[in-house]
Amino acid sequence: MPVRLSLFAAFLLALAGPAAAWPQFANETGAECAFCHQGPPANKVFTQQGQEYRQYLINQGRLPGCKKIPAYDANGNYLGEIEQCS
């Protein structure tokens, strides 16, 4: 029985995949995940506070995998910067 349970647990963990949340705010402030996220952090739906903190991190260049890049319209006119996340 313990072997079956262990195999089942390993199977579930394999399906889960990597966590998408970046817990820097919680680590810095001690806040719960729900302060920034609506529902599980992996769904990337943010509260107002979460949106503001995410934008702050992007502006500071501190959000992993994200950077600001210049944006242009079809005529080549500069529109400002947009966030590009990998």
PDB file of N, CA and C in Angstrom:
ATOM      1  N   MET A   1       0.808  -1.210   0.000  1.00  0.00           N
ATOM      2  CA  MET A   1       0.000   0.000   0.000  1.00  0.00           C
ATOM      3  C   MET A   1       0.850   1.272   0.000  1.00  0.00           C
ATOM      4  N   PRO A   2       1.904   1.392   0.858  1.00  0.00           N
ATOM      5  CA  PRO A   2       2.711   2.599   0.838  1.00  0.00           C
ATOM      6  C   PRO A   2       3.373   2.846  -0.515  1.00  0.00           C
ATOM      7  N   VAL A   3       3.734   1.772  -1.224  1.00  0.00           N
ATOM      8  CA  VAL A   3       4.355   1.939  -2.542  1.00  0.00           C
ATOM      9  C   VAL A   3       3.357   2.543  -3.517  1.00  0.00           C
ATOM     10  N   ARG A   4       2.118   2.058  -3.496  1.00  0.00           N
ATOM     11  CA  ARG A   4       1.084   2.613  -4.377  1.00  0.00           C
ATOM     12  C   ARG A   4       0.840   4.085  -4.076  1.00  0.00           C
ATOM     13  N   LEU A   5       0.769   4.418  -2.799  1.00  0.00           N
ATOM     14  CA  LEU A   5       0.541   5.803  -2.410  1.00  0.00           C
ATOM     15  C   LEU A   5       1.694   6.683  -2.856  1.00  0.00           C
ATOM     16  N   SER A   6       2.920   6.211  -2.708  1.00  0.00           N
ATOM     17  CA  SER A   6       4.092   6.967  -3.139  1.00  0.00           C
ATOM     18  C   SER A   6       4.097   7.168  -4.647  1.00  0.00           C
ATOM     19  N   LEU A   7       3.751   6.135  -5.397  1.00  0.00           N
ATOM     20  CA  LEU A   7       3.697   6.256  -6.851  1.00  0.00           C
ATOM     21  C   LEU A   7       2.602   7.238  -7.282  1.00  0.00           C
ATOM     22  N   PHE A   8       1.457   7.167  -6.600  1.00  0.00           N
ATOM     23  CA  PHE A   8       0.367   8.088  -6.922  1.00  0.00           C
ATOM     24  C   PHE A   8       0.771   9.530  -6.618  1.00  0.00           C
ATOM     25  N   ALA A   9       1.422   9.759  -5.491  1.00  0.00           N
ATOM     26  CA  ALA A   9       1.881  11.101  -5.130  1.00  0.00           C
ATOM     27  C   ALA A   9       2.902  11.610  -6.147  1.00  0.00           C
ATOM     28  N   ALA A  10       3.820  10.751  -6.569  1.00  0.00           N
ATOM     29  CA  ALA A  10       4.817  11.140  -7.576  1.00  0.00           C
ATOM     30  C   ALA A  10       4.138  11.482  -8.898  1.00  0.00           C
ATOM     31  N   PHE A  11       3.117  10.729  -9.261  1.00  0.00           N
ATOM     32  CA  PHE A  11       2.366  10.998 -10.486  1.00  0.00           C
ATOM     33  C   PHE A  11       1.698  12.369 -10.419  1.00  0.00           C
ATOM     34  N   LEU A  12       1.066  12.679  -9.296  1.00  0.00           N
ATOM     35  CA  LEU A  12       0.402  13.973  -9.142  1.00  0.00           C
ATOM     36  C   LEU A  12       1.398  15.126  -9.186  1.00  0.00           C
ATOM     37  N   LEU A  13       2.539  14.952  -8.563  1.00  0.00           N
ATOM     38  CA  LEU A  13       3.565  15.996  -8.604  1.00  0.00           C
ATOM     39  C   LEU A  13       4.089  16.213 -10.021  1.00  0.00           C
ATOM     40  N   ALA A  14       4.212  15.148 -10.779  1.00  0.00           N
ATOM     41  CA  ALA A  14       4.673  15.269 -12.163  1.00  0.00           C
ATOM     42  C   ALA A  14       3.674  16.041 -13.012  1.00  0.00           C
ATOM     43  N   LEU A  15       2.395  15.858 -12.732  1.00  0.00           N
ATOM     44  CA  LEU A  15       1.363  16.583 -13.480  1.00  0.00           C
ATOM     45  C   LEU A  15       1.296  18.051 -13.106  1.00  0.00           C
ATOM     46  N   ALA A  16       1.678  18.370 -11.898  1.00  0.00           N
ATOM     47  CA  ALA A  16       1.524  19.742 -11.396  1.00  0.00           C
ATOM     48  C   ALA A  16       2.380  20.732 -12.166  1.00  0.00           C
ATOM     49  N   GLY A  17       3.579  20.370 -12.558  1.00  0.00           N
ATOM     50  CA  GLY A  17       4.454  21.278 -13.273  1.00  0.00           C
ATOM     51  C   GLY A  17       5.060  22.302 -12.339  1.00  0.00           C
ATOM     52  N   PRO A  18       5.848  23.240 -12.886  1.00  0.00           N
ATOM     53  CA  PRO A  18       6.513  24.224 -12.052  1.00  0.00           C
ATOM     54  C   PRO A  18       5.539  25.274 -11.529  1.00  0.00           C
ATOM     55  N   ALA A  19       5.851  25.818 -10.386  1.00  0.00           N
ATOM     56  CA  ALA A  19       5.023  26.890  -9.824  1.00  0.00           C
ATOM     57  C   ALA A  19       5.276  28.165 -10.611  1.00  0.00           C
ATOM     58  N   ALA A  20       4.239  28.937 -10.856  1.00  0.00           N
ATOM     59  CA  ALA A  20       4.374  30.162 -11.637  1.00  0.00           C
ATOM     60  C   ALA A  20       4.542  31.397 -10.762  1.00  0.00           C
ATOM     61  N   ALA A  21       4.241  31.301  -9.502  1.00  0.00           N
ATOM     62  CA  ALA A  21       4.305  32.472  -8.637  1.00  0.00           C
ATOM     63  C   ALA A  21       5.751  32.794  -8.286  1.00  0.00           C
ATOM     64  N   TRP A  22       5.998  34.059  -8.081  1.00  0.00           N
ATOM     65  CA  TRP A  22       7.305  34.520  -7.645  1.00  0.00           C
ATOM     66  C   TRP A  22       7.099  35.139  -6.282  1.00  0.00           C
ATOM     67  N   PRO A  23       7.534  34.506  -5.205  1.00  0.00           N
ATOM     68  CA  PRO A  23       7.149  34.909  -3.853  1.00  0.00           C
ATOM     69  C   PRO A  23       7.961  36.038  -3.244  1.00  0.00           C
ATOM     70  N   GLN A  24       8.575  36.899  -4.043  1.00  0.00           N
ATOM     71  CA  GLN A  24       9.425  37.941  -3.474  1.00  0.00           C
ATOM     72  C   GLN A  24       8.650  38.852  -2.529  1.00  0.00           C
ATOM     73  N   PHE A  25       7.457  39.266  -2.913  1.00  0.00           N
ATOM     74  CA  PHE A  25       6.684  40.176  -2.062  1.00  0.00           C
ATOM     75  C   PHE A  25       6.364  39.515  -0.732  1.00  0.00           C
ATOM     76  N   ALA A  26       5.907  38.273  -0.776  1.00  0.00           N
ATOM     77  CA  ALA A  26       5.595  37.554   0.462  1.00  0.00           C
ATOM     78  C   ALA A  26       6.846  37.405   1.320  1.00  0.00           C
ATOM     79  N   ASN A  27       7.979  37.128   0.707  1.00  0.00           N
ATOM     80  CA  ASN A  27       9.225  36.995   1.456  1.00  0.00           C
ATOM     81  C   ASN A  27       9.656  38.322   2.073  1.00  0.00           C
ATOM     82  N   GLU A  28       9.466  39.428   1.350  1.00  0.00           N
ATOM     83  CA  GLU A  28       9.894  40.738   1.834  1.00  0.00           C
ATOM     84  C   GLU A  28       8.961  41.291   2.904  1.00  0.00           C
ATOM     85  N   THR A  29       7.668  40.980   2.808  1.00  0.00           N
ATOM     86  CA  THR A  29       6.687  41.624   3.679  1.00  0.00           C
ATOM     87  C   THR A  29       5.993  40.692   4.656  1.00  0.00           C
ATOM     88  N   GLY A  30       6.029  39.391   4.390  1.00  0.00           N
ATOM     89  CA  GLY A  30       5.295  38.447   5.220  1.00  0.00           C
ATOM     90  C   GLY A  30       3.826  38.354   4.849  1.00  0.00           C
ATOM     91  N   ALA A  31       3.415  38.995   3.751  1.00  0.00           N
ATOM     92  CA  ALA A  31       2.014  38.972   3.307  1.00  0.00           C
ATOM     93  C   ALA A  31       1.651  37.598   2.755  1.00  0.00           C
ATOM     94  N   GLU A  32       0.384  37.263   2.826  1.00  0.00           N
ATOM     95  CA  GLU A  32      -0.123  36.023   2.245  1.00  0.00           C
ATOM     96  C   GLU A  32      -0.218  36.165   0.723  1.00  0.00           C
ATOM     97  N   CYS A  33      -0.225  35.050   0.004  1.00  0.00           N
ATOM     98  CA  CYS A  33      -0.329  35.060  -1.460  1.00  0.00           C
ATOM     99  C   CYS A  33      -1.594  35.795  -1.925  1.00  0.00           C
ATOM    100  N   ALA A  34      -2.690  35.645  -1.166  1.00  0.00           N
ATOM    101  CA  ALA A  34      -3.971  36.250  -1.557  1.00  0.00           C
ATOM    102  C   ALA A  34      -3.923  37.777  -1.546  1.00  0.00           C
ATOM    103  N   PHE A  35      -2.903  38.374  -0.958  1.00  0.00           N
ATOM    104  CA  PHE A  35      -2.775  39.828  -1.001  1.00  0.00           C
ATOM    105  C   PHE A  35      -2.558  40.289  -2.445  1.00  0.00           C
ATOM    106  N   CYS A  36      -1.821  39.499  -3.226  1.00  0.00           N
ATOM    107  CA  CYS A  36      -1.529  39.857  -4.618  1.00  0.00           C
ATOM    108  C   CYS A  36      -2.320  39.041  -5.636  1.00  0.00           C
ATOM    109  N   HIS A  37      -2.703  37.818  -5.269  1.00  0.00           N
ATOM    110  CA  HIS A  37      -3.325  36.902  -6.223  1.00  0.00           C
ATOM    111  C   HIS A  37      -4.781  36.621  -5.889  1.00  0.00           C
ATOM    112  N   GLN A  38      -5.602  36.530  -6.941  1.00  0.00           N
ATOM    113  CA  GLN A  38      -6.982  36.068  -6.814  1.00  0.00           C
ATOM    114  C   GLN A  38      -6.985  34.614  -7.223  1.00  0.00           C
ATOM    115  N   GLY A  39      -7.218  33.726  -6.301  1.00  0.00           N
ATOM    116  CA  GLY A  39      -7.144  32.299  -6.597  1.00  0.00           C
ATOM    117  C   GLY A  39      -5.707  31.840  -6.526  1.00  0.00           C
ATOM    118  N   PRO A  40      -5.405  30.674  -7.092  1.00  0.00           N
ATOM    119  CA  PRO A  40      -4.042  30.149  -7.027  1.00  0.00           C
ATOM    120  C   PRO A  40      -3.081  31.063  -7.788  1.00  0.00           C
ATOM    121  N   PRO A  41      -1.870  31.281  -7.266  1.00  0.00           N
ATOM    122  CA  PRO A  41      -0.913  32.152  -7.957  1.00  0.00           C
ATOM    123  C   PRO A  41      -0.630  31.740  -9.388  1.00  0.00           C
ATOM    124  N   ALA A  42      -0.725  30.457  -9.710  1.00  0.00           N
ATOM    125  CA  ALA A  42      -0.420  29.999 -11.066  1.00  0.00           C
ATOM    126  C   ALA A  42      -1.387  30.545 -12.108  1.00  0.00           C
ATOM    127  N   ASN A  43      -2.592  30.987 -11.698  1.00  0.00           N
ATOM    128  CA  ASN A  43      -3.536  31.483 -12.698  1.00  0.00           C
ATOM    129  C   ASN A  43      -3.243  32.918 -13.130  1.00  0.00           C
ATOM    130  N   LYS A  44      -2.288  33.576 -12.464  1.00  0.00           N
ATOM    131  CA  LYS A  44      -1.810  34.910 -12.835  1.00  0.00           C
ATOM    132  C   LYS A  44      -2.916  35.956 -12.888  1.00  0.00           C
ATOM    133  N   VAL A  45      -3.926  35.833 -12.037  1.00  0.00           N
ATOM    134  CA  VAL A  45      -4.955  36.866 -11.893  1.00  0.00           C
ATOM    135  C   VAL A  45      -4.607  37.625 -10.621  1.00  0.00           C
ATOM    136  N   PHE A  46      -4.332  38.915 -10.760  1.00  0.00           N
ATOM    137  CA  PHE A  46      -3.829  39.708  -9.654  1.00  0.00           C
ATOM    138  C   PHE A  46      -4.892  40.627  -9.065  1.00  0.00           C
ATOM    139  N   THR A  47      -4.752  40.893  -7.770  1.00  0.00           N
ATOM    140  CA  THR A  47      -5.534  41.934  -7.115  1.00  0.00           C
ATOM    141  C   THR A  47      -4.954  43.277  -7.548  1.00  0.00           C
ATOM    142  N   GLN A  48      -5.583  44.362  -7.161  1.00  0.00           N
ATOM    143  CA  GLN A  48      -5.048  45.694  -7.481  1.00  0.00           C
ATOM    144  C   GLN A  48      -3.636  45.845  -6.906  1.00  0.00           C
ATOM    145  N   GLN A  49      -3.442  45.401  -5.662  1.00  0.00           N
ATOM    146  CA  GLN A  49      -2.118  45.492  -5.046  1.00  0.00           C
ATOM    147  C   GLN A  49      -1.108  44.640  -5.809  1.00  0.00           C
ATOM    148  N   GLY A  50      -1.521  43.472  -6.254  1.00  0.00           N
ATOM    149  CA  GLY A  50      -0.642  42.602  -7.019  1.00  0.00           C
ATOM    150  C   GLY A  50      -0.246  43.204  -8.356  1.00  0.00           C
ATOM    151  N   GLN A  51      -1.198  43.848  -9.021  1.00  0.00           N
ATOM    152  CA  GLN A  51      -0.905  44.504 -10.298  1.00  0.00           C
ATOM    153  C   GLN A  51       0.094  45.641 -10.101  1.00  0.00           C
ATOM    154  N   GLU A  52      -0.111  46.416  -9.036  1.00  0.00           N
ATOM    155  CA  GLU A  52       0.791  47.538  -8.774  1.00  0.00           C
ATOM    156  C   GLU A  52       2.196  47.053  -8.433  1.00  0.00           C
ATOM    157  N   TYR A  53       2.292  46.004  -7.627  1.00  0.00           N
ATOM    158  CA  TYR A  53       3.608  45.490  -7.257  1.00  0.00           C
ATOM    159  C   TYR A  53       4.312  44.856  -8.459  1.00  0.00           C
ATOM    160  N   ARG A  54       3.553  44.147  -9.284  1.00  0.00           N
ATOM    161  CA  ARG A  54       4.134  43.550 -10.490  1.00  0.00           C
ATOM    162  C   ARG A  54       4.689  44.629 -11.410  1.00  0.00           C
ATOM    163  N   GLN A  55       3.931  45.713 -11.599  1.00  0.00           N
ATOM    164  CA  GLN A  55       4.404  46.804 -12.454  1.00  0.00           C
ATOM    165  C   GLN A  55       5.641  47.461 -11.853  1.00  0.00           C
ATOM    166  N   TYR A  56       5.673  47.611 -10.549  1.00  0.00           N
ATOM    167  CA  TYR A  56       6.842  48.160  -9.869  1.00  0.00           C
ATOM    168  C   TYR A  56       8.076  47.285 -10.143  1.00  0.00           C
ATOM    169  N   LEU A  57       7.917  45.970 -10.020  1.00  0.00           N
ATOM    170  CA  LEU A  57       9.044  45.063 -10.274  1.00  0.00           C
ATOM    171  C   LEU A  57       9.514  45.143 -11.719  1.00  0.00           C
ATOM    172  N   ILE A  58       8.570  45.242 -12.652  1.00  0.00           N
ATOM    173  CA  ILE A  58       8.937  45.363 -14.066  1.00  0.00           C
ATOM    174  C   ILE A  58       9.707  46.664 -14.293  1.00  0.00           C
ATOM    175  N   ASN A  59       9.219  47.761 -13.714  1.00  0.00           N
ATOM    176  CA  ASN A  59       9.884  49.058 -13.883  1.00  0.00           C
ATOM    177  C   ASN A  59      11.287  49.054 -13.283  1.00  0.00           C
ATOM    178  N   GLN A  60      11.479  48.282 -12.219  1.00  0.00           N
ATOM    179  CA  GLN A  60      12.788  48.191 -11.573  1.00  0.00           C
ATOM    180  C   GLN A  60      13.690  47.161 -12.244  1.00  0.00           C
ATOM    181  N   GLY A  61      13.159  46.414 -13.218  1.00  0.00           N
ATOM    182  CA  GLY A  61      13.928  45.357 -13.866  1.00  0.00           C
ATOM    183  C   GLY A  61      14.157  44.165 -12.955  1.00  0.00           C
ATOM    184  N   ARG A  62      13.245  43.950 -11.997  1.00  0.00           N
ATOM    185  CA  ARG A  62      13.424  42.897 -11.001  1.00  0.00           C
ATOM    186  C   ARG A  62      12.500  41.701 -11.205  1.00  0.00           C
ATOM    187  N   LEU A  63      11.647  41.710 -12.209  1.00  0.00           N
ATOM    188  CA  LEU A  63      10.750  40.582 -12.415  1.00  0.00           C
ATOM    189  C   LEU A  63      11.422  39.589 -13.351  1.00  0.00           C
ATOM    190  N   PRO A  64      11.695  38.371 -12.878  1.00  0.00           N
ATOM    191  CA  PRO A  64      12.406  37.401 -13.707  1.00  0.00           C
ATOM    192  C   PRO A  64      11.689  37.124 -15.024  1.00  0.00           C
ATOM    193  N   GLY A  65      12.436  37.146 -16.097  1.00  0.00           N
ATOM    194  CA  GLY A  65      11.884  36.823 -17.401  1.00  0.00           C
ATOM    195  C   GLY A  65      11.169  37.976 -18.084  1.00  0.00           C
ATOM    196  N   CYS A  66      11.111  39.153 -17.453  1.00  0.00           N
ATOM    197  CA  CYS A  66      10.416  40.300 -18.046  1.00  0.00           C
ATOM    198  C   CYS A  66      11.387  41.455 -18.257  1.00  0.00           C
ATOM    199  N   LYS A  67      11.132  42.169 -19.318  1.00  0.00           N
ATOM    200  CA  LYS A  67      11.907  43.386 -19.580  1.00  0.00           C
ATOM    201  C   LYS A  67      11.025  44.356 -20.350  1.00  0.00           C
ATOM    202  N   LYS A  68      11.394  45.621 -20.327  1.00  0.00           N
ATOM    203  CA  LYS A  68      10.669  46.631 -21.082  1.00  0.00           C
ATOM    204  C   LYS A  68      11.362  46.808 -22.426  1.00  0.00           C
ATOM    205  N   ILE A  69      10.551  46.850 -23.482  1.00  0.00           N
ATOM    206  CA  ILE A  69      11.093  47.041 -24.823  1.00  0.00           C
ATOM    207  C   ILE A  69      10.319  48.169 -25.499  1.00  0.00           C
ATOM    208  N   PRO A  70      10.932  48.866 -26.459  1.00  0.00           N
ATOM    209  CA  PRO A  70      10.221  49.931 -27.153  1.00  0.00           C
ATOM    210  C   PRO A  70       9.120  49.369 -28.048  1.00  0.00           C
ATOM    211  N   ALA A  71       8.031  50.114 -28.157  1.00  0.00           N
ATOM    212  CA  ALA A  71       6.912  49.712 -29.017  1.00  0.00           C
ATOM    213  C   ALA A  71       6.706  50.775 -30.096  1.00  0.00           C
ATOM    214  N   TYR A  72       6.408  50.312 -31.297  1.00  0.00           N
ATOM    215  CA  TYR A  72       6.199  51.204 -32.434  1.00  0.00           C
ATOM    216  C   TYR A  72       4.909  50.823 -33.140  1.00  0.00           C
ATOM    217  N   ASP A  73       4.253  51.807 -33.755  1.00  0.00           N
ATOM    218  CA  ASP A  73       3.061  51.484 -34.547  1.00  0.00           C
ATOM    219  C   ASP A  73       3.488  51.049 -35.945  1.00  0.00           C
ATOM    220  N   ALA A  74       2.513  50.774 -36.807  1.00  0.00           N
ATOM    221  CA  ALA A  74       2.802  50.274 -38.156  1.00  0.00           C
ATOM    222  C   ALA A  74       3.599  51.273 -38.993  1.00  0.00           C
ATOM    223  N   ASN A  75       3.541  52.563 -38.647  1.00  0.00           N
ATOM    224  CA  ASN A  75       4.272  53.595 -39.384  1.00  0.00           C
ATOM    225  C   ASN A  75       5.646  53.878 -38.787  1.00  0.00           C
ATOM    226  N   GLY A  76       6.020  53.139 -37.757  1.00  0.00           N
ATOM    227  CA  GLY A  76       7.320  53.334 -37.141  1.00  0.00           C
ATOM    228  C   GLY A  76       7.353  54.396 -36.064  1.00  0.00           C
ATOM    229  N   ASN A  77       6.183  54.913 -35.663  1.00  0.00           N
ATOM    230  CA  ASN A  77       6.134  55.923 -34.616  1.00  0.00           C
ATOM    231  C   ASN A  77       6.282  55.267 -33.245  1.00  0.00           C
ATOM    232  N   TYR A  78       7.130  55.859 -32.430  1.00  0.00           N
ATOM    233  CA  TYR A  78       7.386  55.322 -31.092  1.00  0.00           C
ATOM    234  C   TYR A  78       6.142  55.505 -30.219  1.00  0.00           C
ATOM    235  N   LEU A  79       5.719  54.424 -29.569  1.00  0.00           N
ATOM    236  CA  LEU A  79       4.523  54.463 -28.722  1.00  0.00           C
ATOM    237  C   LEU A  79       4.847  54.419 -27.238  1.00  0.00           C
ATOM    238  N   GLY A  80       6.067  54.137 -26.889  1.00  0.00           N
ATOM    239  CA  GLY A  80       6.450  53.986 -25.485  1.00  0.00           C
ATOM    240  C   GLY A  80       7.026  52.595 -25.276  1.00  0.00           C
ATOM    241  N   GLU A  81       7.050  52.179 -24.040  1.00  0.00           N
ATOM    242  CA  GLU A  81       7.603  50.876 -23.717  1.00  0.00           C
ATOM    243  C   GLU A  81       6.489  49.900 -23.334  1.00  0.00           C
ATOM    244  N   ILE A  82       6.706  48.641 -23.688  1.00  0.00           N
ATOM    245  CA  ILE A  82       5.785  47.592 -23.290  1.00  0.00           C
ATOM    246  C   ILE A  82       6.567  46.515 -22.569  1.00  0.00           C
ATOM    247  N   GLU A  83       5.870  45.704 -21.820  1.00  0.00           N
ATOM    248  CA  GLU A  83       6.493  44.619 -21.069  1.00  0.00           C
ATOM    249  C   GLU A  83       6.531  43.366 -21.936  1.00  0.00           C
ATOM    250  N   GLN A  84       7.688  42.735 -21.983  1.00  0.00           N
ATOM    251  CA  GLN A  84       7.835  41.473 -22.684  1.00  0.00           C
ATOM    252  C   GLN A  84       8.338  40.436 -21.709  1.00  0.00           C
ATOM    253  N   CYS A  85       7.536  39.397 -21.486  1.00  0.00           N
ATOM    254  CA  CYS A  85       7.908  38.348 -20.538  1.00  0.00           C
ATOM    255  C   CYS A  85       8.089  37.039 -21.286  1.00  0.00           C
ATOM    256  N   SER A  86       9.133  36.328 -20.928  1.00  0.00           N
ATOM    257  CA  SER A  86       9.381  35.044 -21.569  1.00  0.00           C
ATOM    258  C   SER A  86       8.795  33.921 -20.748  1.00  0.00           C
TER     259      SER A  86
END
